[in-house]
Structure formats: structure tokens, C-alpha cells
Amino acid sequence: VTLLADGNGDFSDSLGLSFDGSSFGLGKRGKRFVMVIDNCKVTHLAIEKPGSFEVSSAESLLKLLG
């Protein structure tokens, strides 16, 4: 498992996975998502609905990988 930071949001922007949370005082943010990459190929991408924490949870990912 590799966790990557996206401090400037460049990666999230390039995937269309960013949003502007300025109205909540948060500025530009990345949506919550989980991506599985195997041998440089995206094999799974799950994007959370706003306010949710289901498809990107560790439990959900472990079920997928299991």
C-alpha cells in the first residue's frame, strides 16, 4: 500500500476529482476516493458521495482485494 500526498491538488485536478470548498472555508480540495493500480494500470476507482465514507474505507478496499 502506498499513500500519496497531493499538496497542490494537481493529481486530483487531472482526474477531475477536485472541488471548491471555499464556501465552507476549506479552499480547493480533492474528493475522497480510492484507487487501485496494478502494474501501472488503474484496476479500481471508487469515488465517495459527498458526506459519505463507504466505498473508500479500508474495510471496503480489503473486501475488494480479498
PDB file of N, CA and C in Angstrom:
ATOM      1  N   VAL A   1       0.854  -1.170   0.000  1.00  0.00           N
ATOM      2  CA  VAL A   1       0.000   0.000   0.000  1.00  0.00           C
ATOM      3  C   VAL A   1       0.898   1.231   0.000  1.00  0.00           C
ATOM      4  N   THR A   2       0.617   2.135  -0.911  1.00  0.00           N
ATOM      5  CA  THR A   2       1.351   3.386  -0.973  1.00  0.00           C
ATOM      6  C   THR A   2       0.352   4.523  -0.850  1.00  0.00           C
ATOM      7  N   LEU A   3       0.566   5.386   0.113  1.00  0.00           N
ATOM      8  CA  LEU A   3      -0.271   6.570   0.292  1.00  0.00           C
ATOM      9  C   LEU A   3       0.493   7.751  -0.274  1.00  0.00           C
ATOM     10  N   LEU A   4      -0.174   8.524  -1.123  1.00  0.00           N
ATOM     11  CA  LEU A   4       0.490   9.637  -1.778  1.00  0.00           C
ATOM     12  C   LEU A   4      -0.178  10.951  -1.420  1.00  0.00           C
ATOM     13  N   ALA A   5       0.626  11.960  -1.161  1.00  0.00           N
ATOM     14  CA  ALA A   5       0.105  13.303  -0.904  1.00  0.00           C
ATOM     15  C   ALA A   5      -0.082  14.032  -2.230  1.00  0.00           C
ATOM     16  N   ASP A   6      -1.044  14.932  -2.268  1.00  0.00           N
ATOM     17  CA  ASP A   6      -1.336  15.729  -3.456  1.00  0.00           C
ATOM     18  C   ASP A   6      -1.507  17.176  -3.005  1.00  0.00           C
ATOM     19  N   GLY A   7      -0.444  17.727  -2.428  1.00  0.00           N
ATOM     20  CA  GLY A   7      -0.492  19.031  -1.772  1.00  0.00           C
ATOM     21  C   GLY A   7      -1.067  20.160  -2.604  1.00  0.00           C
ATOM     22  N   ASN A   8      -0.723  20.228  -3.871  1.00  0.00           N
ATOM     23  CA  ASN A   8      -1.243  21.284  -4.741  1.00  0.00           C
ATOM     24  C   ASN A   8      -2.526  20.894  -5.445  1.00  0.00           C
ATOM     25  N   GLY A   9      -2.933  19.645  -5.317  1.00  0.00           N
ATOM     26  CA  GLY A   9      -4.157  19.181  -5.971  1.00  0.00           C
ATOM     27  C   GLY A   9      -3.993  18.908  -7.452  1.00  0.00           C
ATOM     28  N   ASP A  10      -2.769  18.857  -7.943  1.00  0.00           N
ATOM     29  CA  ASP A  10      -2.539  18.637  -9.372  1.00  0.00           C
ATOM     30  C   ASP A  10      -3.058  17.275  -9.840  1.00  0.00           C
ATOM     31  N   PHE A  11      -2.800  16.246  -9.054  1.00  0.00           N
ATOM     32  CA  PHE A  11      -3.254  14.899  -9.420  1.00  0.00           C
ATOM     33  C   PHE A  11      -4.772  14.826  -9.414  1.00  0.00           C
ATOM     34  N   SER A  12      -5.399  15.335  -8.354  1.00  0.00           N
ATOM     35  CA  SER A  12      -6.866  15.331  -8.271  1.00  0.00           C
ATOM     36  C   SER A  12      -7.485  16.126  -9.413  1.00  0.00           C
ATOM     37  N   ASP A  13      -6.896  17.282  -9.726  1.00  0.00           N
ATOM     38  CA  ASP A  13      -7.386  18.090 -10.845  1.00  0.00           C
ATOM     39  C   ASP A  13      -7.319  17.321 -12.155  1.00  0.00           C
ATOM     40  N   SER A  14      -6.198  16.647 -12.393  1.00  0.00           N
ATOM     41  CA  SER A  14      -6.012  15.936 -13.664  1.00  0.00           C
ATOM     42  C   SER A  14      -7.015  14.797 -13.830  1.00  0.00           C
ATOM     43  N   LEU A  15      -7.519  14.274 -12.709  1.00  0.00           N
ATOM     44  CA  LEU A  15      -8.512  13.198 -12.759  1.00  0.00           C
ATOM     45  C   LEU A  15      -9.952  13.706 -12.695  1.00  0.00           C
ATOM     46  N   GLY A  16     -10.100  15.024 -12.522  1.00  0.00           N
ATOM     47  CA  GLY A  16     -11.450  15.583 -12.363  1.00  0.00           C
ATOM     48  C   GLY A  16     -12.040  15.273 -11.002  1.00  0.00           C
ATOM     49  N   LEU A  17     -11.181  15.087 -10.003  1.00  0.00           N
ATOM     50  CA  LEU A  17     -11.626  14.697  -8.669  1.00  0.00           C
ATOM     51  C   LEU A  17     -11.378  15.783  -7.627  1.00  0.00           C
ATOM     52  N   SER A  18     -11.466  17.035  -8.047  1.00  0.00           N
ATOM     53  CA  SER A  18     -11.300  18.124  -7.094  1.00  0.00           C
ATOM     54  C   SER A  18     -12.590  18.931  -7.020  1.00  0.00           C
ATOM     55  N   PHE A  19     -12.725  19.700  -5.951  1.00  0.00           N
ATOM     56  CA  PHE A  19     -13.884  20.571  -5.792  1.00  0.00           C
ATOM     57  C   PHE A  19     -13.474  21.810  -5.017  1.00  0.00           C
ATOM     58  N   ASP A  20     -14.290  22.839  -5.121  1.00  0.00           N
ATOM     59  CA  ASP A  20     -14.007  24.094  -4.432  1.00  0.00           C
ATOM     60  C   ASP A  20     -14.845  24.156  -3.169  1.00  0.00           C
ATOM     61  N   GLY A  21     -14.196  24.052  -2.033  1.00  0.00           N
ATOM     62  CA  GLY A  21     -14.882  24.101  -0.742  1.00  0.00           C
ATOM     63  C   GLY A  21     -14.784  25.465  -0.087  1.00  0.00           C
ATOM     64  N   SER A  22     -14.514  26.495  -0.883  1.00  0.00           N
ATOM     65  CA  SER A  22     -14.327  27.852  -0.340  1.00  0.00           C
ATOM     66  C   SER A  22     -15.538  28.342   0.437  1.00  0.00           C
ATOM     67  N   SER A  23     -16.726  27.964   0.014  1.00  0.00           N
ATOM     68  CA  SER A  23     -17.925  28.421   0.723  1.00  0.00           C
ATOM     69  C   SER A  23     -18.001  27.862   2.139  1.00  0.00           C
ATOM     70  N   PHE A  24     -17.196  26.821   2.425  1.00  0.00           N
ATOM     71  CA  PHE A  24     -17.130  26.234   3.762  1.00  0.00           C
ATOM     72  C   PHE A  24     -15.817  26.594   4.458  1.00  0.00           C
ATOM     73  N   GLY A  25     -15.039  27.485   3.832  1.00  0.00           N
ATOM     74  CA  GLY A  25     -13.753  27.880   4.393  1.00  0.00           C
ATOM     75  C   GLY A  25     -12.655  26.852   4.196  1.00  0.00           C
ATOM     76  N   LEU A  26     -12.830  25.962   3.235  1.00  0.00           N
ATOM     77  CA  LEU A  26     -11.872  24.878   3.034  1.00  0.00           C
ATOM     78  C   LEU A  26     -10.954  25.068   1.838  1.00  0.00           C
ATOM     79  N   GLY A  27     -11.299  25.954   0.910  1.00  0.00           N
ATOM     80  CA  GLY A  27     -10.496  26.128  -0.297  1.00  0.00           C
ATOM     81  C   GLY A  27     -10.648  24.960  -1.246  1.00  0.00           C
ATOM     82  N   LYS A  28      -9.692  24.823  -2.122  1.00  0.00           N
ATOM     83  CA  LYS A  28      -9.707  23.753  -3.123  1.00  0.00           C
ATOM     84  C   LYS A  28      -9.326  22.430  -2.453  1.00  0.00           C
ATOM     85  N   ARG A  29     -10.082  21.403  -2.713  1.00  0.00           N
ATOM     86  CA  ARG A  29      -9.866  20.087  -2.101  1.00  0.00           C
ATOM     87  C   ARG A  29     -10.016  18.974  -3.135  1.00  0.00           C
ATOM     88  N   GLY A  30      -9.510  17.810  -2.778  1.00  0.00           N
ATOM     89  CA  GLY A  30      -9.751  16.612  -3.568  1.00  0.00           C
ATOM     90  C   GLY A  30     -10.920  15.854  -2.979  1.00  0.00           C
ATOM     91  N   LYS A  31     -11.735  15.274  -3.855  1.00  0.00           N
ATOM     92  CA  LYS A  31     -12.825  14.419  -3.383  1.00  0.00           C
ATOM     93  C   LYS A  31     -12.203  13.195  -2.708  1.00  0.00           C
ATOM     94  N   ARG A  32     -12.978  12.541  -1.845  1.00  0.00           N
ATOM     95  CA  ARG A  32     -12.496  11.319  -1.195  1.00  0.00           C
ATOM     96  C   ARG A  32     -12.666  10.170  -2.184  1.00  0.00           C
ATOM     97  N   PHE A  33     -11.571   9.476  -2.456  1.00  0.00           N
ATOM     98  CA  PHE A  33     -11.630   8.362  -3.405  1.00  0.00           C
ATOM     99  C   PHE A  33     -10.560   7.340  -3.053  1.00  0.00           C
ATOM    100  N   VAL A  34     -10.703   6.163  -3.624  1.00  0.00           N
ATOM    101  CA  VAL A  34      -9.695   5.122  -3.502  1.00  0.00           C
ATOM    102  C   VAL A  34      -9.418   4.595  -4.911  1.00  0.00           C
ATOM    103  N   MET A  35      -8.152   4.370  -5.179  1.00  0.00           N
ATOM    104  CA  MET A  35      -7.747   3.882  -6.493  1.00  0.00           C
ATOM    105  C   MET A  35      -6.791   2.710  -6.300  1.00  0.00           C
ATOM    106  N   VAL A  36      -7.025   1.648  -7.053  1.00  0.00           N
ATOM    107  CA  VAL A  36      -6.115   0.501  -7.043  1.00  0.00           C
ATOM    108  C   VAL A  36      -5.391   0.509  -8.382  1.00  0.00           C
ATOM    109  N   ILE A  37      -4.070   0.495  -8.314  1.00  0.00           N
ATOM    110  CA  ILE A  37      -3.247   0.491  -9.514  1.00  0.00           C
ATOM    111  C   ILE A  37      -2.385  -0.757  -9.475  1.00  0.00           C
ATOM    112  N   ASP A  38      -2.464  -1.540 -10.527  1.00  0.00           N
ATOM    113  CA  ASP A  38      -1.683  -2.768 -10.624  1.00  0.00           C
ATOM    114  C   ASP A  38      -0.846  -2.699 -11.890  1.00  0.00           C
ATOM    115  N   ASN A  39       0.454  -2.706 -11.714  1.00  0.00           N
ATOM    116  CA  ASN A  39       1.372  -2.672 -12.850  1.00  0.00           C
ATOM    117  C   ASN A  39       1.091  -1.462 -13.757  1.00  0.00           C
ATOM    118  N   CYS A  40       0.923  -0.304 -13.147  1.00  0.00           N
ATOM    119  CA  CYS A  40       0.690   0.989 -13.827  1.00  0.00           C
ATOM    120  C   CYS A  40      -0.670   1.079 -14.519  1.00  0.00           C
ATOM    121  N   LYS A  41      -1.599   0.201 -14.185  1.00  0.00           N
ATOM    122  CA  LYS A  41      -2.940   0.231 -14.766  1.00  0.00           C
ATOM    123  C   LYS A  41      -3.963   0.378 -13.641  1.00  0.00           C
ATOM    124  N   VAL A  42      -4.877   1.349 -13.780  1.00  0.00           N
ATOM    125  CA  VAL A  42      -5.943   1.525 -12.789  1.00  0.00           C
ATOM    126  C   VAL A  42      -6.920   0.366 -12.938  1.00  0.00           C
ATOM    127  N   THR A  43      -7.061  -0.424 -11.868  1.00  0.00           N
ATOM    128  CA  THR A  43      -7.965  -1.570 -11.905  1.00  0.00           C
ATOM    129  C   THR A  43      -9.254  -1.313 -11.129  1.00  0.00           C
ATOM    130  N   HIS A  44      -9.242  -0.263 -10.293  1.00  0.00           N
ATOM    131  CA  HIS A  44     -10.437   0.062  -9.500  1.00  0.00           C
ATOM    132  C   HIS A  44     -10.361   1.526  -9.090  1.00  0.00           C
ATOM    133  N   LEU A  45     -11.490   2.222  -9.246  1.00  0.00           N
ATOM    134  CA  LEU A  45     -11.607   3.597  -8.784  1.00  0.00           C
ATOM    135  C   LEU A  45     -12.992   3.749  -8.176  1.00  0.00           C
ATOM    136  N   ALA A  46     -13.043   4.144  -6.925  1.00  0.00           N
ATOM    137  CA  ALA A  46     -14.319   4.364  -6.235  1.00  0.00           C
ATOM    138  C   ALA A  46     -14.297   5.778  -5.660  1.00  0.00           C
ATOM    139  N   ILE A  47     -15.332   6.547  -5.965  1.00  0.00           N
ATOM    140  CA  ILE A  47     -15.428   7.932  -5.534  1.00  0.00           C
ATOM    141  C   ILE A  47     -16.593   8.047  -4.558  1.00  0.00           C
ATOM    142  N   GLU A  48     -16.316   8.616  -3.393  1.00  0.00           N
ATOM    143  CA  GLU A  48     -17.355   8.777  -2.374  1.00  0.00           C
ATOM    144  C   GLU A  48     -18.372   9.849  -2.773  1.00  0.00           C
ATOM    145  N   LYS A  49     -19.602   9.631  -2.394  1.00  0.00           N
ATOM    146  CA  LYS A  49     -20.618  10.671  -2.476  1.00  0.00           C
ATOM    147  C   LYS A  49     -20.297  11.694  -1.390  1.00  0.00           C
ATOM    148  N   PRO A  50     -20.602  12.981  -1.617  1.00  0.00           N
ATOM    149  CA  PRO A  50     -20.318  13.989  -0.589  1.00  0.00           C
ATOM    150  C   PRO A  50     -20.897  13.601   0.769  1.00  0.00           C
ATOM    151  N   GLY A  51     -20.071  13.682   1.805  1.00  0.00           N
ATOM    152  CA  GLY A  51     -20.509  13.368   3.162  1.00  0.00           C
ATOM    153  C   GLY A  51     -20.488  11.897   3.516  1.00  0.00           C
ATOM    154  N   SER A  52     -20.109  11.045   2.582  1.00  0.00           N
ATOM    155  CA  SER A  52     -20.089   9.596   2.824  1.00  0.00           C
ATOM    156  C   SER A  52     -18.681   9.105   3.112  1.00  0.00           C
ATOM    157  N   PHE A  53     -18.603   7.946   3.721  1.00  0.00           N
ATOM    158  CA  PHE A  53     -17.339   7.250   3.913  1.00  0.00           C
ATOM    159  C   PHE A  53     -17.645   5.763   3.876  1.00  0.00           C
ATOM    160  N   GLU A  54     -17.835   5.249   2.671  1.00  0.00           N
ATOM    161  CA  GLU A  54     -18.194   3.846   2.491  1.00  0.00           C
ATOM    162  C   GLU A  54     -17.259   3.154   1.495  1.00  0.00           C
ATOM    163  N   VAL A  55     -17.250   3.620   0.249  1.00  0.00           N
ATOM    164  CA  VAL A  55     -16.509   2.911  -0.792  1.00  0.00           C
ATOM    165  C   VAL A  55     -14.997   3.086  -0.687  1.00  0.00           C
ATOM    166  N   SER A  56     -14.540   4.098   0.040  1.00  0.00           N
ATOM    167  CA  SER A  56     -13.092   4.305   0.169  1.00  0.00           C
ATOM    168  C   SER A  56     -12.545   3.872   1.527  1.00  0.00           C
ATOM    169  N   SER A  57     -13.366   3.211   2.313  1.00  0.00           N
ATOM    170  CA  SER A  57     -12.905   2.750   3.628  1.00  0.00           C
ATOM    171  C   SER A  57     -11.941   1.585   3.479  1.00  0.00           C
ATOM    172  N   ALA A  58     -11.125   1.390   4.488  1.00  0.00           N
ATOM    173  CA  ALA A  58     -10.188   0.264   4.483  1.00  0.00           C
ATOM    174  C   ALA A  58     -10.941  -1.065   4.371  1.00  0.00           C
ATOM    175  N   GLU A  59     -12.047  -1.171   5.075  1.00  0.00           N
ATOM    176  CA  GLU A  59     -12.837  -2.407   5.028  1.00  0.00           C
ATOM    177  C   GLU A  59     -13.348  -2.693   3.627  1.00  0.00           C
ATOM    178  N   SER A  60     -13.826  -1.676   2.956  1.00  0.00           N
ATOM    179  CA  SER A  60     -14.343  -1.842   1.601  1.00  0.00           C
ATOM    180  C   SER A  60     -13.224  -2.261   0.655  1.00  0.00           C
ATOM    181  N   LEU A  61     -12.085  -1.646   0.798  1.00  0.00           N
ATOM    182  CA  LEU A  61     -10.949  -1.985  -0.066  1.00  0.00           C
ATOM    183  C   LEU A  61     -10.441  -3.391   0.210  1.00  0.00           C
ATOM    184  N   LEU A  62     -10.382  -3.777   1.466  1.00  0.00           N
ATOM    185  CA  LEU A  62      -9.935  -5.131   1.798  1.00  0.00           C
ATOM    186  C   LEU A  62     -10.881  -6.184   1.238  1.00  0.00           C
ATOM    187  N   LYS A  63     -12.184  -5.908   1.250  1.00  0.00           N
ATOM    188  CA  LYS A  63     -13.145  -6.842   0.629  1.00  0.00           C
ATOM    189  C   LYS A  63     -12.879  -6.980  -0.856  1.00  0.00           C
ATOM    190  N   LEU A  64     -12.607  -5.850  -1.498  1.00  0.00           N
ATOM    191  CA  LEU A  64     -12.332  -5.851  -2.927  1.00  0.00           C
ATOM    192  C   LEU A  64     -11.072  -6.653  -3.246  1.00  0.00           C
ATOM    193  N   LEU A  65     -10.043  -6.463  -2.459  1.00  0.00           N
ATOM    194  CA  LEU A  65      -8.771  -7.120  -2.713  1.00  0.00           C
ATOM    195  C   LEU A  65      -8.735  -8.575  -2.268  1.00  0.00           C
ATOM    196  N   GLY A  66      -9.664  -8.920  -1.346  1.00  0.00           N
ATOM    197  CA  GLY A  66      -9.685 -10.251  -0.755  1.00  0.00           C
ATOM    198  C   GLY A  66      -9.986 -11.317  -1.712  1.00  0.00           C
TER     199      GLY A  66
END
